[in-house]
């Protein structure tokens, strides 16, 4: 028996078809009946306050082929809401790596370049993602080389760096307070752009080496000596706090 919830006059959420779960809600399969042909979409259910903030970030970064598209935000009684998003039937890049094993360098590079372009676009719109990992990169079903950056629950806006403050000082001053703040926090430091670059580098390593473990933290293949200006991740208890020069 189909368990469905009608949201407004447009969406039918199939509560018996879970697509995924995360820290900011559960994602269900849904139908968008507003078009001439009914379309399948992803419906993320969670706290209205948290999803409202995520919707605002998605609106700011809309229009890039490698960033998940927001279709609608709908609040429902009880303090909850739904984000209706593009659906990606190819699964997580994490699953592609763990199930398929190490990728050829050119394939891994293609994924990494797409992620980097998505992050560059977000930064150009004044948004820092703050949670770049294989689990937050979805493969578009029609094209197994095409990806979408998802889950902007941690995302926030860029705040200018203080005059005369070094990047290292900024990392250690702001990491605990800013990098992993609750979604009600809406601004971040430019150092998080450096963290995004370091996280993207980690995604590339994990993609090319098939290094396992959700959220990172496992071993990885030996890497060549870092180039000038490279960054290292600053971690505490497995959580990325910031990035500092090597």
C-alpha atoms as a PDB file:
ATOM      1  CA  UNK A   1       0.000   0.000   0.000  1.00  0.00           C
ATOM      2  CA  UNK A   2       1.394   3.388  -1.021  1.00  0.00           C
ATOM      3  CA  UNK A   3       1.930   5.861   1.802  1.00  0.00           C
ATOM      4  CA  UNK A   4       1.832   9.368   0.363  1.00  0.00           C
ATOM      5  CA  UNK A   5       1.540  12.927   1.665  1.00  0.00           C
ATOM      6  CA  UNK A   6       0.182  15.719  -0.499  1.00  0.00           C
ATOM      7  CA  UNK A   7       2.049  19.014  -0.116  1.00  0.00           C
ATOM      8  CA  UNK A   8      -0.004  21.854  -1.500  1.00  0.00           C
ATOM      9  CA  UNK A   9      -1.538  21.133  -4.873  1.00  0.00           C
ATOM     10  CA  UNK A  10       1.756  20.328  -6.550  1.00  0.00           C
ATOM     11  CA  UNK A  11       3.735  17.594  -4.771  1.00  0.00           C
ATOM     12  CA  UNK A  12       2.977  14.022  -3.729  1.00  0.00           C
ATOM     13  CA  UNK A  13       5.633  12.718  -1.312  1.00  0.00           C
ATOM     14  CA  UNK A  14       6.022   8.938  -1.214  1.00  0.00           C
ATOM     15  CA  UNK A  15       6.836   8.309   2.437  1.00  0.00           C
ATOM     16  CA  UNK A  16       7.458   4.618   1.712  1.00  0.00           C
ATOM     17  CA  UNK A  17      10.316   5.425  -0.706  1.00  0.00           C
ATOM     18  CA  UNK A  18      13.276   6.761   1.264  1.00  0.00           C
ATOM     19  CA  UNK A  19      16.177   7.961  -0.871  1.00  0.00           C
ATOM     20  CA  UNK A  20      18.531   8.858   1.964  1.00  0.00           C
ATOM     21  CA  UNK A  21      18.998  10.319   5.417  1.00  0.00           C
ATOM     22  CA  UNK A  22      21.318  12.967   6.827  1.00  0.00           C
ATOM     23  CA  UNK A  23      21.897  15.364   9.653  1.00  0.00           C
ATOM     24  CA  UNK A  24      19.340  17.844   8.335  1.00  0.00           C
ATOM     25  CA  UNK A  25      16.515  15.508   7.370  1.00  0.00           C
ATOM     26  CA  UNK A  26      15.227  12.493   5.476  1.00  0.00           C
ATOM     27  CA  UNK A  27      14.928  12.471   1.689  1.00  0.00           C
ATOM     28  CA  UNK A  28      11.947  10.814   0.021  1.00  0.00           C
ATOM     29  CA  UNK A  29      10.921  10.237  -3.562  1.00  0.00           C
ATOM     30  CA  UNK A  30       8.156  12.604  -4.653  1.00  0.00           C
ATOM     31  CA  UNK A  31       6.107  13.471  -7.714  1.00  0.00           C
ATOM     32  CA  UNK A  32       5.814  16.994  -9.114  1.00  0.00           C
ATOM     33  CA  UNK A  33       2.414  17.222 -10.813  1.00  0.00           C
ATOM     34  CA  UNK A  34       2.703  20.847 -11.939  1.00  0.00           C
ATOM     35  CA  UNK A  35       4.230  20.027 -15.327  1.00  0.00           C
ATOM     36  CA  UNK A  36       2.403  18.569 -18.311  1.00  0.00           C
ATOM     37  CA  UNK A  37       4.247  15.323 -17.560  1.00  0.00           C
ATOM     38  CA  UNK A  38       4.574  14.233 -13.924  1.00  0.00           C
ATOM     39  CA  UNK A  39       8.218  14.399 -12.825  1.00  0.00           C
ATOM     40  CA  UNK A  40      10.097  12.545 -10.103  1.00  0.00           C
ATOM     41  CA  UNK A  41      11.877  14.803  -7.581  1.00  0.00           C
ATOM     42  CA  UNK A  42      13.626  14.476  -4.231  1.00  0.00           C
ATOM     43  CA  UNK A  43      11.765  15.714  -1.133  1.00  0.00           C
ATOM     44  CA  UNK A  44      13.901  16.524   1.908  1.00  0.00           C
ATOM     45  CA  UNK A  45      11.881  16.704   5.131  1.00  0.00           C
ATOM     46  CA  UNK A  46      13.262  18.365   8.259  1.00  0.00           C
ATOM     47  CA  UNK A  47      13.135  21.365  10.569  1.00  0.00           C
ATOM     48  CA  UNK A  48      11.476  24.364   8.937  1.00  0.00           C
ATOM     49  CA  UNK A  49      14.126  26.740  10.293  1.00  0.00           C
ATOM     50  CA  UNK A  50      17.043  24.593   9.072  1.00  0.00           C
ATOM     51  CA  UNK A  51      15.563  23.885   5.643  1.00  0.00           C
ATOM     52  CA  UNK A  52      14.583  27.535   5.188  1.00  0.00           C
ATOM     53  CA  UNK A  53      18.225  28.499   5.701  1.00  0.00           C
ATOM     54  CA  UNK A  54      19.363  25.787   3.291  1.00  0.00           C
ATOM     55  CA  UNK A  55      16.824  26.946   0.703  1.00  0.00           C
ATOM     56  CA  UNK A  56      18.218  30.479   0.919  1.00  0.00           C
ATOM     57  CA  UNK A  57      21.749  29.178   0.247  1.00  0.00           C
ATOM     58  CA  UNK A  58      20.498  27.108  -2.698  1.00  0.00           C
ATOM     59  CA  UNK A  59      18.732  30.138  -4.156  1.00  0.00           C
ATOM     60  CA  UNK A  60      21.999  32.102  -4.011  1.00  0.00           C
ATOM     61  CA  UNK A  61      23.963  29.414  -5.893  1.00  0.00           C
ATOM     62  CA  UNK A  62      21.267  28.449  -8.387  1.00  0.00           C
ATOM     63  CA  UNK A  63      22.096  28.002 -12.046  1.00  0.00           C
ATOM     64  CA  UNK A  64      25.261  25.877 -12.067  1.00  0.00           C
ATOM     65  CA  UNK A  65      25.181  22.429 -13.762  1.00  0.00           C
ATOM     66  CA  UNK A  66      27.130  20.806 -10.902  1.00  0.00           C
ATOM     67  CA  UNK A  67      25.037  22.236  -8.045  1.00  0.00           C
ATOM     68  CA  UNK A  68      21.767  20.579  -7.074  1.00  0.00           C
ATOM     69  CA  UNK A  69      18.755  22.589  -8.193  1.00  0.00           C
ATOM     70  CA  UNK A  70      16.084  23.795  -5.760  1.00  0.00           C
ATOM     71  CA  UNK A  71      12.554  23.344  -7.087  1.00  0.00           C
ATOM     72  CA  UNK A  72      10.514  24.576  -4.125  1.00  0.00           C
ATOM     73  CA  UNK A  73      10.432  25.093  -0.362  1.00  0.00           C
ATOM     74  CA  UNK A  74       7.185  24.262   1.405  1.00  0.00           C
ATOM     75  CA  UNK A  75       6.412  24.575   5.111  1.00  0.00           C
ATOM     76  CA  UNK A  76       3.906  22.224   6.741  1.00  0.00           C
ATOM     77  CA  UNK A  77       2.213  22.342  10.173  1.00  0.00           C
ATOM     78  CA  UNK A  78       4.254  21.293  13.181  1.00  0.00           C
ATOM     79  CA  UNK A  79       7.461  23.215  12.526  1.00  0.00           C
ATOM     80  CA  UNK A  80       8.609  20.999   9.655  1.00  0.00           C
ATOM     81  CA  UNK A  81       9.131  21.684   5.979  1.00  0.00           C
ATOM     82  CA  UNK A  82      10.100  20.099   2.667  1.00  0.00           C
ATOM     83  CA  UNK A  83      12.824  21.041   0.213  1.00  0.00           C
ATOM     84  CA  UNK A  84      11.964  19.780  -3.258  1.00  0.00           C
ATOM     85  CA  UNK A  85      15.122  19.193  -5.285  1.00  0.00           C
ATOM     86  CA  UNK A  86      16.372  17.741  -8.533  1.00  0.00           C
ATOM     87  CA  UNK A  87      16.667  13.981  -8.315  1.00  0.00           C
ATOM     88  CA  UNK A  88      19.943  12.193  -9.117  1.00  0.00           C
ATOM     89  CA  UNK A  89      19.407   8.522  -9.843  1.00  0.00           C
ATOM     90  CA  UNK A  90      23.113   7.620 -10.148  1.00  0.00           C
ATOM     91  CA  UNK A  91      23.712   7.458  -6.386  1.00  0.00           C
ATOM     92  CA  UNK A  92      26.490   8.930  -4.250  1.00  0.00           C
ATOM     93  CA  UNK A  93      30.046   9.297  -5.541  1.00  0.00           C
ATOM     94  CA  UNK A  94      30.969   7.512  -2.287  1.00  0.00           C
ATOM     95  CA  UNK A  95      29.076   4.417  -3.455  1.00  0.00           C
ATOM     96  CA  UNK A  96      30.695   4.645  -6.891  1.00  0.00           C
ATOM     97  CA  UNK A  97      34.139   4.581  -5.266  1.00  0.00           C
ATOM     98  CA  UNK A  98      33.501   1.867  -2.674  1.00  0.00           C
ATOM     99  CA  UNK A  99      31.597  -0.408  -5.059  1.00  0.00           C
ATOM    100  CA  UNK A 100      33.700   0.171  -8.178  1.00  0.00           C
ATOM    101  CA  UNK A 101      37.177   0.412  -6.671  1.00  0.00           C
ATOM    102  CA  UNK A 102      39.946   2.823  -7.694  1.00  0.00           C
ATOM    103  CA  UNK A 103      39.232   5.022 -10.702  1.00  0.00           C
ATOM    104  CA  UNK A 104      41.539   5.870 -13.541  1.00  0.00           C
ATOM    105  CA  UNK A 105      43.246   9.196 -12.977  1.00  0.00           C
ATOM    106  CA  UNK A 106      41.448  10.919 -15.838  1.00  0.00           C
ATOM    107  CA  UNK A 107      38.052   9.863 -14.434  1.00  0.00           C
ATOM    108  CA  UNK A 108      38.925  10.987 -10.902  1.00  0.00           C
ATOM    109  CA  UNK A 109      40.255  14.271 -12.297  1.00  0.00           C
ATOM    110  CA  UNK A 110      37.007  14.846 -14.166  1.00  0.00           C
ATOM    111  CA  UNK A 111      34.991  14.434 -10.975  1.00  0.00           C
ATOM    112  CA  UNK A 112      37.372  16.666  -9.002  1.00  0.00           C
ATOM    113  CA  UNK A 113      37.253  19.394 -11.659  1.00  0.00           C
ATOM    114  CA  UNK A 114      33.446  19.375 -11.594  1.00  0.00           C
ATOM    115  CA  UNK A 115      33.436  19.662  -7.795  1.00  0.00           C
ATOM    116  CA  UNK A 116      35.997  22.468  -7.899  1.00  0.00           C
ATOM    117  CA  UNK A 117      33.938  24.363 -10.502  1.00  0.00           C
ATOM    118  CA  UNK A 118      30.841  23.976  -8.327  1.00  0.00           C
ATOM    119  CA  UNK A 119      32.704  25.328  -5.295  1.00  0.00           C
ATOM    120  CA  UNK A 120      34.145  28.202  -7.329  1.00  0.00           C
ATOM    121  CA  UNK A 121      30.627  29.102  -8.437  1.00  0.00           C
ATOM    122  CA  UNK A 122      29.334  28.985  -4.863  1.00  0.00           C
ATOM    123  CA  UNK A 123      32.134  31.245  -3.654  1.00  0.00           C
ATOM    124  CA  UNK A 124      31.439  33.675  -6.492  1.00  0.00           C
ATOM    125  CA  UNK A 125      27.904  33.927  -5.093  1.00  0.00           C
ATOM    126  CA  UNK A 126      29.206  34.468  -1.559  1.00  0.00           C
ATOM    127  CA  UNK A 127      28.430  30.970  -0.247  1.00  0.00           C
ATOM    128  CA  UNK A 128      30.768  28.445   1.406  1.00  0.00           C
ATOM    129  CA  UNK A 129      29.559  24.821   1.408  1.00  0.00           C
ATOM    130  CA  UNK A 130      31.571  23.617   4.483  1.00  0.00           C
ATOM    131  CA  UNK A 131      30.741  19.910   4.096  1.00  0.00           C
ATOM    132  CA  UNK A 132      32.509  18.688   0.953  1.00  0.00           C
ATOM    133  CA  UNK A 133      32.784  14.894   0.924  1.00  0.00           C
ATOM    134  CA  UNK A 134      32.018  11.972  -1.376  1.00  0.00           C
ATOM    135  CA  UNK A 135      28.656  11.401   0.302  1.00  0.00           C
ATOM    136  CA  UNK A 136      27.562  14.926  -0.700  1.00  0.00           C
ATOM    137  CA  UNK A 137      28.331  14.466  -4.378  1.00  0.00           C
ATOM    138  CA  UNK A 138      25.598  12.765  -6.403  1.00  0.00           C
ATOM    139  CA  UNK A 139      25.966  11.242  -9.866  1.00  0.00           C
ATOM    140  CA  UNK A 140      23.368  12.228 -12.443  1.00  0.00           C
ATOM    141  CA  UNK A 141      21.807   9.023 -13.724  1.00  0.00           C
ATOM    142  CA  UNK A 142      21.816   9.897 -17.428  1.00  0.00           C
ATOM    143  CA  UNK A 143      25.526  10.747 -17.446  1.00  0.00           C
ATOM    144  CA  UNK A 144      27.800   8.835 -15.073  1.00  0.00           C
ATOM    145  CA  UNK A 145      30.476  11.534 -15.443  1.00  0.00           C
ATOM    146  CA  UNK A 146      28.067  14.325 -14.464  1.00  0.00           C
ATOM    147  CA  UNK A 147      27.751  15.224 -10.765  1.00  0.00           C
ATOM    148  CA  UNK A 148      25.740  17.472  -8.462  1.00  0.00           C
ATOM    149  CA  UNK A 149      26.992  18.976  -5.198  1.00  0.00           C
ATOM    150  CA  UNK A 150      24.251  18.507  -2.591  1.00  0.00           C
ATOM    151  CA  UNK A 151      23.426  19.133   1.086  1.00  0.00           C
ATOM    152  CA  UNK A 152      23.890  22.823   1.832  1.00  0.00           C
ATOM    153  CA  UNK A 153      22.761  22.448   5.449  1.00  0.00           C
ATOM    154  CA  UNK A 154      26.135  23.662   6.781  1.00  0.00           C
ATOM    155  CA  UNK A 155      26.535  26.334   4.101  1.00  0.00           C
ATOM    156  CA  UNK A 156      26.833  29.997   5.029  1.00  0.00           C
ATOM    157  CA  UNK A 157      27.854  33.337   3.626  1.00  0.00           C
ATOM    158  CA  UNK A 158      31.397  34.696   3.425  1.00  0.00           C
ATOM    159  CA  UNK A 159      32.557  37.287   5.944  1.00  0.00           C
ATOM    160  CA  UNK A 160      35.592  39.459   5.112  1.00  0.00           C
ATOM    161  CA  UNK A 161      38.907  38.651   6.748  1.00  0.00           C
ATOM    162  CA  UNK A 162      40.130  41.141   9.366  1.00  0.00           C
ATOM    163  CA  UNK A 163      42.768  43.608   8.139  1.00  0.00           C
ATOM    164  CA  UNK A 164      46.297  42.443   8.952  1.00  0.00           C
ATOM    165  CA  UNK A 165      45.179  39.001  10.127  1.00  0.00           C
ATOM    166  CA  UNK A 166      47.083  36.027   8.703  1.00  0.00           C
ATOM    167  CA  UNK A 167      45.256  32.995   7.368  1.00  0.00           C
ATOM    168  CA  UNK A 168      46.797  30.755  10.039  1.00  0.00           C
ATOM    169  CA  UNK A 169      45.658  33.108  12.817  1.00  0.00           C
ATOM    170  CA  UNK A 170      42.223  33.245  11.296  1.00  0.00           C
ATOM    171  CA  UNK A 171      41.948  29.434  11.167  1.00  0.00           C
ATOM    172  CA  UNK A 172      42.721  28.949  14.821  1.00  0.00           C
ATOM    173  CA  UNK A 173      40.635  31.945  15.934  1.00  0.00           C
ATOM    174  CA  UNK A 174      37.512  31.029  14.009  1.00  0.00           C
ATOM    175  CA  UNK A 175      37.617  27.256  13.466  1.00  0.00           C
ATOM    176  CA  UNK A 176      35.715  26.053  16.518  1.00  0.00           C
ATOM    177  CA  UNK A 177      33.326  28.988  16.564  1.00  0.00           C
ATOM    178  CA  UNK A 178      32.593  29.315  12.857  1.00  0.00           C
ATOM    179  CA  UNK A 179      33.363  26.231  10.800  1.00  0.00           C
ATOM    180  CA  UNK A 180      30.946  23.813  12.444  1.00  0.00           C
ATOM    181  CA  UNK A 181      28.362  26.182  13.836  1.00  0.00           C
ATOM    182  CA  UNK A 182      24.637  25.346  13.753  1.00  0.00           C
ATOM    183  CA  UNK A 183      22.773  26.236  10.563  1.00  0.00           C
ATOM    184  CA  UNK A 184      21.301  29.342  12.234  1.00  0.00           C
ATOM    185  CA  UNK A 185      24.753  30.902  11.774  1.00  0.00           C
ATOM    186  CA  UNK A 186      24.732  32.668   8.419  1.00  0.00           C
ATOM    187  CA  UNK A 187      28.258  34.020   7.915  1.00  0.00           C
ATOM    188  CA  UNK A 188      31.692  32.451   7.664  1.00  0.00           C
ATOM    189  CA  UNK A 189      35.320  33.486   7.291  1.00  0.00           C
ATOM    190  CA  UNK A 190      37.183  33.484   3.929  1.00  0.00           C
ATOM    191  CA  UNK A 191      39.461  30.809   5.374  1.00  0.00           C
ATOM    192  CA  UNK A 192      36.642  28.394   4.712  1.00  0.00           C
ATOM    193  CA  UNK A 193      37.311  28.862   1.004  1.00  0.00           C
ATOM    194  CA  UNK A 194      40.756  27.407   1.688  1.00  0.00           C
ATOM    195  CA  UNK A 195      39.161  24.566   3.606  1.00  0.00           C
ATOM    196  CA  UNK A 196      36.888  23.867   0.639  1.00  0.00           C
ATOM    197  CA  UNK A 197      39.991  23.552  -1.559  1.00  0.00           C
ATOM    198  CA  UNK A 198      41.589  21.171   0.922  1.00  0.00           C
ATOM    199  CA  UNK A 199      38.409  19.132   1.227  1.00  0.00           C
ATOM    200  CA  UNK A 200      38.165  18.937  -2.571  1.00  0.00           C
ATOM    201  CA  UNK A 201      41.751  17.651  -2.622  1.00  0.00           C
ATOM    202  CA  UNK A 202      40.750  14.986  -0.090  1.00  0.00           C
ATOM    203  CA  UNK A 203      37.781  13.987  -2.251  1.00  0.00           C
ATOM    204  CA  UNK A 204      40.181  13.542  -5.195  1.00  0.00           C
ATOM    205  CA  UNK A 205      42.498  11.323  -3.129  1.00  0.00           C
ATOM    206  CA  UNK A 206      39.610   9.191  -1.898  1.00  0.00           C
ATOM    207  CA  UNK A 207      38.190   8.928  -5.420  1.00  0.00           C
ATOM    208  CA  UNK A 208      41.463   7.882  -7.034  1.00  0.00           C
ATOM    209  CA  UNK A 209      42.482   5.461  -4.274  1.00  0.00           C
ATOM    210  CA  UNK A 210      39.047   4.117  -3.268  1.00  0.00           C
ATOM    211  CA  UNK A 211      39.942   4.960   0.333  1.00  0.00           C
ATOM    212  CA  UNK A 212      36.936   3.857   2.360  1.00  0.00           C
ATOM    213  CA  UNK A 213      35.007   5.083   5.342  1.00  0.00           C
ATOM    214  CA  UNK A 214      32.160   7.586   5.324  1.00  0.00           C
ATOM    215  CA  UNK A 215      33.320  11.056   6.187  1.00  0.00           C
ATOM    216  CA  UNK A 216      37.012  10.238   5.681  1.00  0.00           C
ATOM    217  CA  UNK A 217      39.437   9.472   8.479  1.00  0.00           C
ATOM    218  CA  UNK A 218      40.875   6.249   7.018  1.00  0.00           C
ATOM    219  CA  UNK A 219      44.221   5.578   5.365  1.00  0.00           C
ATOM    220  CA  UNK A 220      45.067   6.824   1.921  1.00  0.00           C
ATOM    221  CA  UNK A 221      47.644   6.222  -0.745  1.00  0.00           C
ATOM    222  CA  UNK A 222      50.946   8.036  -0.393  1.00  0.00           C
ATOM    223  CA  UNK A 223      50.795  11.418  -2.103  1.00  0.00           C
ATOM    224  CA  UNK A 224      53.578  13.348  -3.806  1.00  0.00           C
ATOM    225  CA  UNK A 225      55.204  16.277  -2.035  1.00  0.00           C
ATOM    226  CA  UNK A 226      52.743  19.182  -1.799  1.00  0.00           C
ATOM    227  CA  UNK A 227      53.290  22.205  -4.029  1.00  0.00           C
ATOM    228  CA  UNK A 228      54.104  25.653  -2.685  1.00  0.00           C
ATOM    229  CA  UNK A 229      51.067  27.206  -1.047  1.00  0.00           C
ATOM    230  CA  UNK A 230      49.384  23.841  -0.406  1.00  0.00           C
ATOM    231  CA  UNK A 231      47.166  23.491   2.619  1.00  0.00           C
ATOM    232  CA  UNK A 232      46.769  20.859   5.303  1.00  0.00           C
ATOM    233  CA  UNK A 233      43.477  20.116   7.007  1.00  0.00           C
ATOM    234  CA  UNK A 234      43.201  21.058  10.669  1.00  0.00           C
ATOM    235  CA  UNK A 235      41.180  18.345  12.410  1.00  0.00           C
ATOM    236  CA  UNK A 236      39.906  17.715  15.893  1.00  0.00           C
ATOM    237  CA  UNK A 237      38.314  14.363  16.728  1.00  0.00           C
ATOM    238  CA  UNK A 238      37.924  13.644  13.047  1.00  0.00           C
ATOM    239  CA  UNK A 239      36.121  16.922  12.280  1.00  0.00           C
ATOM    240  CA  UNK A 240      37.642  19.348   9.789  1.00  0.00           C
ATOM    241  CA  UNK A 241      38.164  22.631  11.615  1.00  0.00           C
ATOM    242  CA  UNK A 242      40.209  24.566   9.115  1.00  0.00           C
ATOM    243  CA  UNK A 243      43.229  24.632   6.860  1.00  0.00           C
ATOM    244  CA  UNK A 244      46.744  25.959   7.342  1.00  0.00           C
ATOM    245  CA  UNK A 245      49.768  26.306   5.080  1.00  0.00           C
ATOM    246  CA  UNK A 246      52.129  23.316   4.906  1.00  0.00           C
END
